[in-house]
């Protein structure tokens, strides 16, 4: 079995957290607003909305298997949707000098309406249809190639999506899943 360094670090952090039962915050000068992260499942169970507030950029989101950069706005908020996963999400600091080194997201009850939380970074929900199917297919293809190429280069670093390209959430979700699958298959 091949252990990836990132997984080992995240597992170590998660184990420490589970034993201590507390969230670790780095000491800072002055009062820093508490950062929080919430995972809200959709009523139909097909996706989750992950929102956060009180963060300083740059930040990453980790689900225990993969890590992806978060788009934190000037107010310290972020909002994104992912396909439903029964996992624990954690927001990680990218720089060592950031406050709130890691914050575990808490799960709340599913949304019953169609209203989106107002965080200042809300993205319009994608509408299921032919465009999403096409974007998903393109994301799977590109992600699979990226995962394979990353594995050929080195099994120590997972591929990261280049989100500067303009694609839908369906594309990026398919890209990440396909990249992870191809990478794991090649590095097993």
C-alpha atoms as a PDB file:
ATOM      1  CA  UNK A   1       0.000   0.000   0.000  1.00  0.00           C
ATOM      2  CA  UNK A   2       1.372   3.394  -0.976  1.00  0.00           C
ATOM      3  CA  UNK A   3       0.701   6.203   1.531  1.00  0.00           C
ATOM      4  CA  UNK A   4       0.592   9.713   0.190  1.00  0.00           C
ATOM      5  CA  UNK A   5       2.282  12.376   2.362  1.00  0.00           C
ATOM      6  CA  UNK A   6      -0.758  14.691   2.286  1.00  0.00           C
ATOM      7  CA  UNK A   7      -3.069  11.947   3.459  1.00  0.00           C
ATOM      8  CA  UNK A   8      -0.704  11.092   6.283  1.00  0.00           C
ATOM      9  CA  UNK A   9      -0.578  14.718   7.460  1.00  0.00           C
ATOM     10  CA  UNK A  10      -4.358  15.125   7.234  1.00  0.00           C
ATOM     11  CA  UNK A  11      -4.863  11.793   9.028  1.00  0.00           C
ATOM     12  CA  UNK A  12      -2.452  12.884  11.754  1.00  0.00           C
ATOM     13  CA  UNK A  13      -4.252  16.222  12.157  1.00  0.00           C
ATOM     14  CA  UNK A  14      -7.649  14.513  12.194  1.00  0.00           C
ATOM     15  CA  UNK A  15      -6.450  11.965  14.768  1.00  0.00           C
ATOM     16  CA  UNK A  16      -5.091  14.719  16.995  1.00  0.00           C
ATOM     17  CA  UNK A  17      -8.355  16.594  16.707  1.00  0.00           C
ATOM     18  CA  UNK A  18     -10.421  13.504  17.490  1.00  0.00           C
ATOM     19  CA  UNK A  19      -8.368  12.822  20.615  1.00  0.00           C
ATOM     20  CA  UNK A  20      -8.421  16.385  21.870  1.00  0.00           C
ATOM     21  CA  UNK A  21     -11.983  17.220  20.807  1.00  0.00           C
ATOM     22  CA  UNK A  22     -11.029  20.838  20.105  1.00  0.00           C
ATOM     23  CA  UNK A  23     -10.324  23.015  17.127  1.00  0.00           C
ATOM     24  CA  UNK A  24      -6.756  24.287  17.007  1.00  0.00           C
ATOM     25  CA  UNK A  25      -6.263  28.016  16.493  1.00  0.00           C
ATOM     26  CA  UNK A  26      -2.906  29.686  16.120  1.00  0.00           C
ATOM     27  CA  UNK A  27      -2.272  32.459  18.619  1.00  0.00           C
ATOM     28  CA  UNK A  28      -2.557  35.931  17.135  1.00  0.00           C
ATOM     29  CA  UNK A  29      -2.242  39.477  18.357  1.00  0.00           C
ATOM     30  CA  UNK A  30      -5.622  41.184  18.783  1.00  0.00           C
ATOM     31  CA  UNK A  31      -9.081  39.749  18.460  1.00  0.00           C
ATOM     32  CA  UNK A  32      -9.649  37.603  15.397  1.00  0.00           C
ATOM     33  CA  UNK A  33     -13.211  36.709  14.436  1.00  0.00           C
ATOM     34  CA  UNK A  34     -13.852  32.992  14.702  1.00  0.00           C
ATOM     35  CA  UNK A  35     -13.874  31.235  11.370  1.00  0.00           C
ATOM     36  CA  UNK A  36     -16.632  28.735  10.693  1.00  0.00           C
ATOM     37  CA  UNK A  37     -17.560  26.296   7.965  1.00  0.00           C
ATOM     38  CA  UNK A  38     -20.932  24.657   7.350  1.00  0.00           C
ATOM     39  CA  UNK A  39     -21.948  21.744   5.115  1.00  0.00           C
ATOM     40  CA  UNK A  40     -25.605  21.789   4.072  1.00  0.00           C
ATOM     41  CA  UNK A  41     -26.949  18.803   2.086  1.00  0.00           C
ATOM     42  CA  UNK A  42     -29.520  19.492  -0.639  1.00  0.00           C
ATOM     43  CA  UNK A  43     -33.016  18.211   0.131  1.00  0.00           C
ATOM     44  CA  UNK A  44     -32.712  15.688  -2.735  1.00  0.00           C
ATOM     45  CA  UNK A  45     -29.354  14.401  -1.405  1.00  0.00           C
ATOM     46  CA  UNK A  46     -27.423  14.875  -4.654  1.00  0.00           C
ATOM     47  CA  UNK A  47     -25.030  17.618  -3.568  1.00  0.00           C
ATOM     48  CA  UNK A  48     -23.810  19.568  -0.569  1.00  0.00           C
ATOM     49  CA  UNK A  49     -23.296  23.319  -0.221  1.00  0.00           C
ATOM     50  CA  UNK A  50     -20.170  24.210   1.716  1.00  0.00           C
ATOM     51  CA  UNK A  51     -19.987  27.754   3.068  1.00  0.00           C
ATOM     52  CA  UNK A  52     -17.533  29.513   5.312  1.00  0.00           C
ATOM     53  CA  UNK A  53     -16.929  32.866   6.912  1.00  0.00           C
ATOM     54  CA  UNK A  54     -14.165  34.584   8.854  1.00  0.00           C
ATOM     55  CA  UNK A  55     -11.267  33.159   6.818  1.00  0.00           C
ATOM     56  CA  UNK A  56      -8.161  34.798   5.390  1.00  0.00           C
ATOM     57  CA  UNK A  57      -7.085  33.750   1.886  1.00  0.00           C
ATOM     58  CA  UNK A  58      -5.529  31.516   0.653  1.00  0.00           C
ATOM     59  CA  UNK A  59      -7.361  28.421   1.938  1.00  0.00           C
ATOM     60  CA  UNK A  60      -7.817  24.824   0.810  1.00  0.00           C
ATOM     61  CA  UNK A  61     -10.735  22.437   1.306  1.00  0.00           C
ATOM     62  CA  UNK A  62      -9.892  18.848   2.213  1.00  0.00           C
ATOM     63  CA  UNK A  63     -12.306  15.902   2.186  1.00  0.00           C
ATOM     64  CA  UNK A  64      -9.849  13.262   3.407  1.00  0.00           C
ATOM     65  CA  UNK A  65      -9.035  12.154  -0.142  1.00  0.00           C
ATOM     66  CA  UNK A  66      -8.357  15.347  -2.051  1.00  0.00           C
ATOM     67  CA  UNK A  67      -7.513  18.984  -1.455  1.00  0.00           C
ATOM     68  CA  UNK A  68      -8.663  21.868  -3.624  1.00  0.00           C
ATOM     69  CA  UNK A  69      -8.161  25.635  -3.397  1.00  0.00           C
ATOM     70  CA  UNK A  70     -11.058  27.727  -2.086  1.00  0.00           C
ATOM     71  CA  UNK A  71     -12.124  31.061  -3.549  1.00  0.00           C
ATOM     72  CA  UNK A  72     -12.223  33.208  -0.374  1.00  0.00           C
ATOM     73  CA  UNK A  73     -13.598  36.712  -1.024  1.00  0.00           C
ATOM     74  CA  UNK A  74     -12.385  39.992   0.515  1.00  0.00           C
ATOM     75  CA  UNK A  75     -14.887  39.572   3.388  1.00  0.00           C
ATOM     76  CA  UNK A  76     -13.473  36.136   4.311  1.00  0.00           C
ATOM     77  CA  UNK A  77     -16.414  34.160   2.872  1.00  0.00           C
ATOM     78  CA  UNK A  78     -16.629  31.263   0.428  1.00  0.00           C
ATOM     79  CA  UNK A  79     -19.422  29.156  -1.069  1.00  0.00           C
ATOM     80  CA  UNK A  80     -19.216  26.056  -3.254  1.00  0.00           C
ATOM     81  CA  UNK A  81     -21.198  22.965  -4.169  1.00  0.00           C
ATOM     82  CA  UNK A  82     -19.942  19.404  -4.459  1.00  0.00           C
ATOM     83  CA  UNK A  83     -21.544  16.116  -5.313  1.00  0.00           C
ATOM     84  CA  UNK A  84     -22.885  14.474  -2.152  1.00  0.00           C
ATOM     85  CA  UNK A  85     -20.125  12.795  -0.205  1.00  0.00           C
ATOM     86  CA  UNK A  86     -20.492  11.254   3.220  1.00  0.00           C
ATOM     87  CA  UNK A  87     -17.195  12.716   4.428  1.00  0.00           C
ATOM     88  CA  UNK A  88     -15.900  15.266   6.878  1.00  0.00           C
ATOM     89  CA  UNK A  89     -14.684  18.494   5.273  1.00  0.00           C
ATOM     90  CA  UNK A  90     -11.847  20.592   6.712  1.00  0.00           C
ATOM     91  CA  UNK A  91     -10.687  24.083   5.715  1.00  0.00           C
ATOM     92  CA  UNK A  92      -6.887  24.265   5.819  1.00  0.00           C
ATOM     93  CA  UNK A  93      -4.568  27.277   5.942  1.00  0.00           C
ATOM     94  CA  UNK A  94      -2.088  27.470   3.074  1.00  0.00           C
ATOM     95  CA  UNK A  95       0.431  29.694   4.874  1.00  0.00           C
ATOM     96  CA  UNK A  96       1.846  28.843   8.303  1.00  0.00           C
ATOM     97  CA  UNK A  97       1.267  32.349   9.682  1.00  0.00           C
ATOM     98  CA  UNK A  98      -2.502  32.315   9.091  1.00  0.00           C
ATOM     99  CA  UNK A  99      -4.919  32.158  11.994  1.00  0.00           C
ATOM    100  CA  UNK A 100      -7.317  29.199  12.228  1.00  0.00           C
ATOM    101  CA  UNK A 101      -4.799  26.633  10.922  1.00  0.00           C
ATOM    102  CA  UNK A 102      -7.623  24.189  10.252  1.00  0.00           C
ATOM    103  CA  UNK A 103     -11.349  24.354  10.862  1.00  0.00           C
ATOM    104  CA  UNK A 104     -13.621  21.327  10.680  1.00  0.00           C
ATOM    105  CA  UNK A 105     -16.881  21.973   8.860  1.00  0.00           C
ATOM    106  CA  UNK A 106     -20.074  21.078  10.689  1.00  0.00           C
ATOM    107  CA  UNK A 107     -23.008  19.333   9.032  1.00  0.00           C
ATOM    108  CA  UNK A 108     -26.451  20.965   9.289  1.00  0.00           C
ATOM    109  CA  UNK A 109     -29.924  19.848   8.247  1.00  0.00           C
ATOM    110  CA  UNK A 110     -30.717  19.694   4.514  1.00  0.00           C
ATOM    111  CA  UNK A 111     -32.075  22.766   2.771  1.00  0.00           C
ATOM    112  CA  UNK A 112     -35.816  22.497   2.168  1.00  0.00           C
ATOM    113  CA  UNK A 113     -36.240  25.546  -0.056  1.00  0.00           C
ATOM    114  CA  UNK A 114     -34.420  26.808  -3.103  1.00  0.00           C
ATOM    115  CA  UNK A 115     -33.013  29.979  -1.520  1.00  0.00           C
ATOM    116  CA  UNK A 116     -29.233  30.256  -1.505  1.00  0.00           C
ATOM    117  CA  UNK A 117     -27.342  31.499   1.565  1.00  0.00           C
ATOM    118  CA  UNK A 118     -26.158  35.077   1.145  1.00  0.00           C
ATOM    119  CA  UNK A 119     -22.408  35.138   1.675  1.00  0.00           C
ATOM    120  CA  UNK A 120     -21.386  37.595  -1.004  1.00  0.00           C
ATOM    121  CA  UNK A 121     -19.792  34.850  -3.116  1.00  0.00           C
ATOM    122  CA  UNK A 122     -22.886  32.920  -4.168  1.00  0.00           C
ATOM    123  CA  UNK A 123     -22.599  31.294  -7.540  1.00  0.00           C
ATOM    124  CA  UNK A 124     -25.735  30.601  -9.545  1.00  0.00           C
ATOM    125  CA  UNK A 125     -26.729  26.958  -9.266  1.00  0.00           C
ATOM    126  CA  UNK A 126     -26.152  24.981 -12.413  1.00  0.00           C
ATOM    127  CA  UNK A 127     -29.289  23.867 -14.170  1.00  0.00           C
ATOM    128  CA  UNK A 128     -29.383  20.163 -15.006  1.00  0.00           C
ATOM    129  CA  UNK A 129     -29.543  19.618 -18.717  1.00  0.00           C
ATOM    130  CA  UNK A 130     -27.562  18.841 -21.815  1.00  0.00           C
ATOM    131  CA  UNK A 131     -24.967  21.522 -21.037  1.00  0.00           C
ATOM    132  CA  UNK A 132     -24.134  19.918 -17.680  1.00  0.00           C
ATOM    133  CA  UNK A 133     -23.827  16.444 -19.226  1.00  0.00           C
ATOM    134  CA  UNK A 134     -21.428  17.791 -21.826  1.00  0.00           C
ATOM    135  CA  UNK A 135     -19.418  19.719 -19.218  1.00  0.00           C
ATOM    136  CA  UNK A 136     -19.300  16.643 -16.969  1.00  0.00           C
ATOM    137  CA  UNK A 137     -18.019  14.498 -19.848  1.00  0.00           C
ATOM    138  CA  UNK A 138     -15.352  17.069 -20.721  1.00  0.00           C
ATOM    139  CA  UNK A 139     -14.356  17.303 -17.041  1.00  0.00           C
ATOM    140  CA  UNK A 140     -14.033  13.519 -16.768  1.00  0.00           C
ATOM    141  CA  UNK A 141     -11.834  13.370 -19.859  1.00  0.00           C
ATOM    142  CA  UNK A 142      -9.573  16.259 -18.826  1.00  0.00           C
ATOM    143  CA  UNK A 143      -9.371  15.092 -15.213  1.00  0.00           C
ATOM    144  CA  UNK A 144      -8.506  11.533 -16.204  1.00  0.00           C
ATOM    145  CA  UNK A 145      -5.661  12.766 -18.391  1.00  0.00           C
ATOM    146  CA  UNK A 146      -4.402  15.117 -15.671  1.00  0.00           C
ATOM    147  CA  UNK A 147      -4.481  12.338 -13.063  1.00  0.00           C
ATOM    148  CA  UNK A 148      -2.591   9.954 -15.324  1.00  0.00           C
ATOM    149  CA  UNK A 149      -0.005  12.617 -16.258  1.00  0.00           C
ATOM    150  CA  UNK A 150       0.520  13.597 -12.607  1.00  0.00           C
ATOM    151  CA  UNK A 151       1.027   9.954 -11.637  1.00  0.00           C
ATOM    152  CA  UNK A 152       3.571   9.480 -14.433  1.00  0.00           C
ATOM    153  CA  UNK A 153       5.496  12.518 -13.153  1.00  0.00           C
ATOM    154  CA  UNK A 154       5.377  11.527  -9.463  1.00  0.00           C
ATOM    155  CA  UNK A 155       3.029   9.638  -7.156  1.00  0.00           C
ATOM    156  CA  UNK A 156       3.821  12.088  -4.374  1.00  0.00           C
ATOM    157  CA  UNK A 157       1.749  15.015  -5.679  1.00  0.00           C
ATOM    158  CA  UNK A 158      -1.887  14.856  -6.755  1.00  0.00           C
ATOM    159  CA  UNK A 159      -3.092  16.933  -9.713  1.00  0.00           C
ATOM    160  CA  UNK A 160      -4.779  20.251  -8.931  1.00  0.00           C
ATOM    161  CA  UNK A 161      -7.389  21.791 -11.263  1.00  0.00           C
ATOM    162  CA  UNK A 162      -6.540  25.068 -12.992  1.00  0.00           C
ATOM    163  CA  UNK A 163      -9.687  26.972 -12.053  1.00  0.00           C
ATOM    164  CA  UNK A 164      -8.671  30.001 -14.089  1.00  0.00           C
ATOM    165  CA  UNK A 165     -10.485  28.305 -16.969  1.00  0.00           C
ATOM    166  CA  UNK A 166     -14.189  29.136 -17.242  1.00  0.00           C
ATOM    167  CA  UNK A 167     -16.213  25.935 -16.627  1.00  0.00           C
ATOM    168  CA  UNK A 168     -19.314  24.946 -14.656  1.00  0.00           C
ATOM    169  CA  UNK A 169     -19.362  23.273 -11.240  1.00  0.00           C
ATOM    170  CA  UNK A 170     -20.357  20.026 -13.002  1.00  0.00           C
ATOM    171  CA  UNK A 171     -17.127  20.163 -15.046  1.00  0.00           C
ATOM    172  CA  UNK A 172     -14.909  20.766 -11.997  1.00  0.00           C
ATOM    173  CA  UNK A 173     -16.585  18.085  -9.870  1.00  0.00           C
ATOM    174  CA  UNK A 174     -16.171  15.528 -12.673  1.00  0.00           C
ATOM    175  CA  UNK A 175     -12.577  16.706 -13.257  1.00  0.00           C
ATOM    176  CA  UNK A 176     -11.593  16.198  -9.598  1.00  0.00           C
ATOM    177  CA  UNK A 177     -13.242  12.776  -9.355  1.00  0.00           C
ATOM    178  CA  UNK A 178     -11.687  11.527 -12.619  1.00  0.00           C
ATOM    179  CA  UNK A 179      -8.246  12.945 -11.763  1.00  0.00           C
ATOM    180  CA  UNK A 180      -8.285  11.302  -8.320  1.00  0.00           C
ATOM    181  CA  UNK A 181      -9.453   7.980  -9.759  1.00  0.00           C
ATOM    182  CA  UNK A 182      -6.791   7.946 -12.510  1.00  0.00           C
ATOM    183  CA  UNK A 183      -4.053   9.038 -10.099  1.00  0.00           C
ATOM    184  CA  UNK A 184      -4.985   6.381  -7.508  1.00  0.00           C
ATOM    185  CA  UNK A 185      -5.196   3.672 -10.170  1.00  0.00           C
ATOM    186  CA  UNK A 186      -1.756   4.543 -11.592  1.00  0.00           C
ATOM    187  CA  UNK A 187      -0.080   4.944  -8.188  1.00  0.00           C
ATOM    188  CA  UNK A 188      -1.552   1.836  -6.532  1.00  0.00           C
END
